[in-house]
PDB file of N, CA and C in Angstrom:
ATOM      1  N   VAL A   1       2.272  -2.400 -11.443  1.00  0.00           N
ATOM      2  CA  VAL A   1       2.170  -2.982 -10.115  1.00  0.00           C
ATOM      3  C   VAL A   1       1.708  -4.413 -10.258  1.00  0.00           C
ATOM      4  N   GLU A   2       2.385  -5.314  -9.565  1.00  0.00           N
ATOM      5  CA  GLU A   2       2.003  -6.717  -9.592  1.00  0.00           C
ATOM      6  C   GLU A   2       1.557  -7.134  -8.199  1.00  0.00           C
ATOM      7  N   PHE A   3       0.480  -7.889  -8.141  1.00  0.00           N
ATOM      8  CA  PHE A   3      -0.022  -8.407  -6.880  1.00  0.00           C
ATOM      9  C   PHE A   3       0.141  -9.909  -6.878  1.00  0.00           C
ATOM     10  N   PHE A   4       0.712 -10.435  -5.816  1.00  0.00           N
ATOM     11  CA  PHE A   4       0.909 -11.873  -5.690  1.00  0.00           C
ATOM     12  C   PHE A   4       0.185 -12.359  -4.440  1.00  0.00           C
ATOM     13  N   GLY A   5      -0.234 -13.587  -4.458  1.00  0.00           N
ATOM     14  CA  GLY A   5      -0.879 -14.165  -3.287  1.00  0.00           C
ATOM     15  C   GLY A   5      -2.258 -14.674  -3.629  1.00  0.00           C
ATOM     16  N   THR A   6      -2.940 -15.144  -2.613  1.00  0.00           N
ATOM     17  CA  THR A   6      -4.255 -15.740  -2.821  1.00  0.00           C
ATOM     18  C   THR A   6      -5.382 -14.869  -2.301  1.00  0.00           C
ATOM     19  N   GLN A   7      -5.059 -13.802  -1.566  1.00  0.00           N
ATOM     20  CA  GLN A   7      -6.101 -12.940  -1.027  1.00  0.00           C
ATOM     21  C   GLN A   7      -6.563 -11.942  -2.078  1.00  0.00           C
ATOM     22  N   GLU A   8      -7.822 -11.554  -1.975  1.00  0.00           N
ATOM     23  CA  GLU A   8      -8.364 -10.560  -2.900  1.00  0.00           C
ATOM     24  C   GLU A   8      -7.829  -9.176  -2.550  1.00  0.00           C
ATOM     25  N   VAL A   9      -7.724  -8.327  -3.548  1.00  0.00           N
ATOM     26  CA  VAL A   9      -7.347  -6.933  -3.333  1.00  0.00           C
ATOM     27  C   VAL A   9      -8.563  -6.211  -2.778  1.00  0.00           C
ATOM     28  N   GLU A  10      -8.358  -5.413  -1.731  1.00  0.00           N
ATOM     29  CA  GLU A  10      -9.458  -4.687  -1.110  1.00  0.00           C
ATOM     30  C   GLU A  10      -9.357  -3.206  -1.434  1.00  0.00           C
ATOM     31  N   GLN A  11     -10.508  -2.565  -1.557  1.00  0.00           N
ATOM     32  CA  GLN A  11     -10.547  -1.126  -1.762  1.00  0.00           C
ATOM     33  C   GLN A  11     -10.837  -0.450  -0.431  1.00  0.00           C
ATOM     34  N   THR A  12     -10.175   0.678  -0.206  1.00  0.00           N
ATOM     35  CA  THR A  12     -10.351   1.437   1.024  1.00  0.00           C
ATOM     36  C   THR A  12     -10.587   2.892   0.645  1.00  0.00           C
ATOM     37  N   PRO A  13     -11.588   3.535   1.238  1.00  0.00           N
ATOM     38  CA  PRO A  13     -11.834   4.939   0.906  1.00  0.00           C
ATOM     39  C   PRO A  13     -10.687   5.833   1.375  1.00  0.00           C
ATOM     40  N   MET A  14     -10.508   6.957   0.684  1.00  0.00           N
ATOM     41  CA  MET A  14      -9.481   7.917   1.071  1.00  0.00           C
ATOM     42  C   MET A  14      -9.917   8.642   2.331  1.00  0.00           C
ATOM     43  N   LYS A  15      -8.933   9.091   3.125  1.00  0.00           N
ATOM     44  CA  LYS A  15      -9.213   9.835   4.347  1.00  0.00           C
ATOM     45  C   LYS A  15      -9.170  11.326   4.038  1.00  0.00           C
ATOM     46  N   ALA A  16     -10.081  12.050   4.623  1.00  0.00           N
ATOM     47  CA  ALA A  16     -10.104  13.502   4.451  1.00  0.00           C
ATOM     48  C   ALA A  16      -9.869  14.161   5.806  1.00  0.00           C
ATOM     49  N   ASN A  17      -8.979  15.150   5.817  1.00  0.00           N
ATOM     50  CA  ASN A  17      -8.658  15.881   7.030  1.00  0.00           C
ATOM     51  C   ASN A  17      -8.548  17.343   6.630  1.00  0.00           C
ATOM     52  N   ALA A  18      -9.343  18.198   7.249  1.00  0.00           N
ATOM     53  CA  ALA A  18      -9.372  19.609   6.862  1.00  0.00           C
ATOM     54  C   ALA A  18      -7.993  20.259   6.979  1.00  0.00           C
ATOM     55  N   ALA A  19      -7.203  19.854   7.961  1.00  0.00           N
ATOM     56  CA  ALA A  19      -5.887  20.467   8.169  1.00  0.00           C
ATOM     57  C   ALA A  19      -4.831  19.907   7.217  1.00  0.00           C
ATOM     58  N   GLN A  20      -4.980  18.645   6.798  1.00  0.00           N
ATOM     59  CA  GLN A  20      -3.946  18.004   5.994  1.00  0.00           C
ATOM     60  C   GLN A  20      -4.392  17.678   4.581  1.00  0.00           C
ATOM     61  N   GLY A  21      -5.652  17.879   4.252  1.00  0.00           N
ATOM     62  CA  GLY A  21      -6.148  17.539   2.925  1.00  0.00           C
ATOM     63  C   GLY A  21      -6.557  16.080   2.847  1.00  0.00           C
ATOM     64  N   THR A  22      -6.719  15.580   1.644  1.00  0.00           N
ATOM     65  CA  THR A  22      -7.120  14.196   1.426  1.00  0.00           C
ATOM     66  C   THR A  22      -5.878  13.349   1.190  1.00  0.00           C
ATOM     67  N   PHE A  23      -5.821  12.202   1.814  1.00  0.00           N
ATOM     68  CA  PHE A  23      -4.650  11.344   1.659  1.00  0.00           C
ATOM     69  C   PHE A  23      -5.053   9.885   1.777  1.00  0.00           C
ATOM     70  N   TYR A  24      -4.127   9.022   1.441  1.00  0.00           N
ATOM     71  CA  TYR A  24      -4.355   7.587   1.467  1.00  0.00           C
ATOM     72  C   TYR A  24      -3.192   6.937   2.195  1.00  0.00           C
ATOM     73  N   THR A  25      -3.484   6.034   3.104  1.00  0.00           N
ATOM     74  CA  THR A  25      -2.426   5.320   3.814  1.00  0.00           C
ATOM     75  C   THR A  25      -2.565   3.828   3.564  1.00  0.00           C
ATOM     76  N   LEU A  26      -1.442   3.130   3.606  1.00  0.00           N
ATOM     77  CA  LEU A  26      -1.477   1.675   3.495  1.00  0.00           C
ATOM     78  C   LEU A  26      -0.296   1.098   4.249  1.00  0.00           C
ATOM     79  N   THR A  27      -0.431  -0.146   4.649  1.00  0.00           N
ATOM     80  CA  THR A  27       0.623  -0.857   5.358  1.00  0.00           C
ATOM     81  C   THR A  27       1.300  -1.815   4.391  1.00  0.00           C
ATOM     82  N   LEU A  28       2.613  -1.723   4.299  1.00  0.00           N
ATOM     83  CA  LEU A  28       3.380  -2.601   3.416  1.00  0.00           C
ATOM     84  C   LEU A  28       4.032  -3.697   4.245  1.00  0.00           C
ATOM     85  N   ASP A  29       3.864  -4.930   3.828  1.00  0.00           N
ATOM     86  CA  ASP A  29       4.539  -6.043   4.490  1.00  0.00           C
ATOM     87  C   ASP A  29       5.983  -6.134   4.027  1.00  0.00           C
ATOM     88  N   TYR A  30       6.218  -5.908   2.756  1.00  0.00           N
ATOM     89  CA  TYR A  30       7.569  -5.898   2.206  1.00  0.00           C
ATOM     90  C   TYR A  30       7.549  -5.264   0.826  1.00  0.00           C
ATOM     91  N   ILE A  31       8.750  -4.890   0.349  1.00  0.00           N
ATOM     92  CA  ILE A  31       8.908  -4.304  -0.979  1.00  0.00           C
ATOM     93  C   ILE A  31      10.023  -5.061  -1.688  1.00  0.00           C
ATOM     94  N   ASN A  32       9.759  -5.503  -2.903  1.00  0.00           N
ATOM     95  CA  ASN A  32      10.783  -6.124  -3.740  1.00  0.00           C
ATOM     96  C   ASN A  32      11.124  -5.183  -4.886  1.00  0.00           C
ATOM     97  N   VAL A  33      12.425  -5.072  -5.197  1.00  0.00           N
ATOM     98  CA  VAL A  33      12.892  -4.372  -6.386  1.00  0.00           C
ATOM     99  C   VAL A  33      13.631  -5.416  -7.199  1.00  0.00           C
ATOM    100  N   GLY A  34      13.044  -5.802  -8.319  1.00  0.00           N
ATOM    101  CA  GLY A  34      13.594  -6.930  -9.063  1.00  0.00           C
ATOM    102  C   GLY A  34      13.440  -8.175  -8.212  1.00  0.00           C
ATOM    103  N   ASN A  35      14.545  -8.878  -7.994  1.00  0.00           N
ATOM    104  CA  ASN A  35      14.523 -10.061  -7.129  1.00  0.00           C
ATOM    105  C   ASN A  35      15.064  -9.767  -5.736  1.00  0.00           C
ATOM    106  N   ASN A  36      15.219  -8.491  -5.389  1.00  0.00           N
ATOM    107  CA  ASN A  36      15.795  -8.108  -4.100  1.00  0.00           C
ATOM    108  C   ASN A  36      14.728  -7.544  -3.176  1.00  0.00           C
ATOM    109  N   ARG A  37      14.593  -8.144  -2.000  1.00  0.00           N
ATOM    110  CA  ARG A  37      13.653  -7.630  -1.003  1.00  0.00           C
ATOM    111  C   ARG A  37      14.344  -6.546  -0.195  1.00  0.00           C
ATOM    112  N   LEU A  38      13.680  -5.387  -0.062  1.00  0.00           N
ATOM    113  CA  LEU A  38      14.232  -4.281   0.709  1.00  0.00           C
ATOM    114  C   LEU A  38      13.909  -4.473   2.180  1.00  0.00           C
ATOM    115  N   ASN A  39      14.835  -4.093   3.044  1.00  0.00           N
ATOM    116  CA  ASN A  39      14.595  -4.126   4.487  1.00  0.00           C
ATOM    117  C   ASN A  39      13.869  -2.845   4.874  1.00  0.00           C
ATOM    118  N   ILE A  40      12.603  -2.972   5.214  1.00  0.00           N
ATOM    119  CA  ILE A  40      11.827  -1.789   5.611  1.00  0.00           C
ATOM    120  C   ILE A  40      11.366  -1.940   7.038  1.00  0.00           C
TER     121      ILE A  40
END
């Protein structure tokens, strides 16, 4: 995984839900595969 930009990487605790178990969510601004940006 490569991180680009000037902002620091932040850590976020995992969410726990008794009905769904423990999970992690994140918001993606964009995804690149090679030199191609995917439309998400």
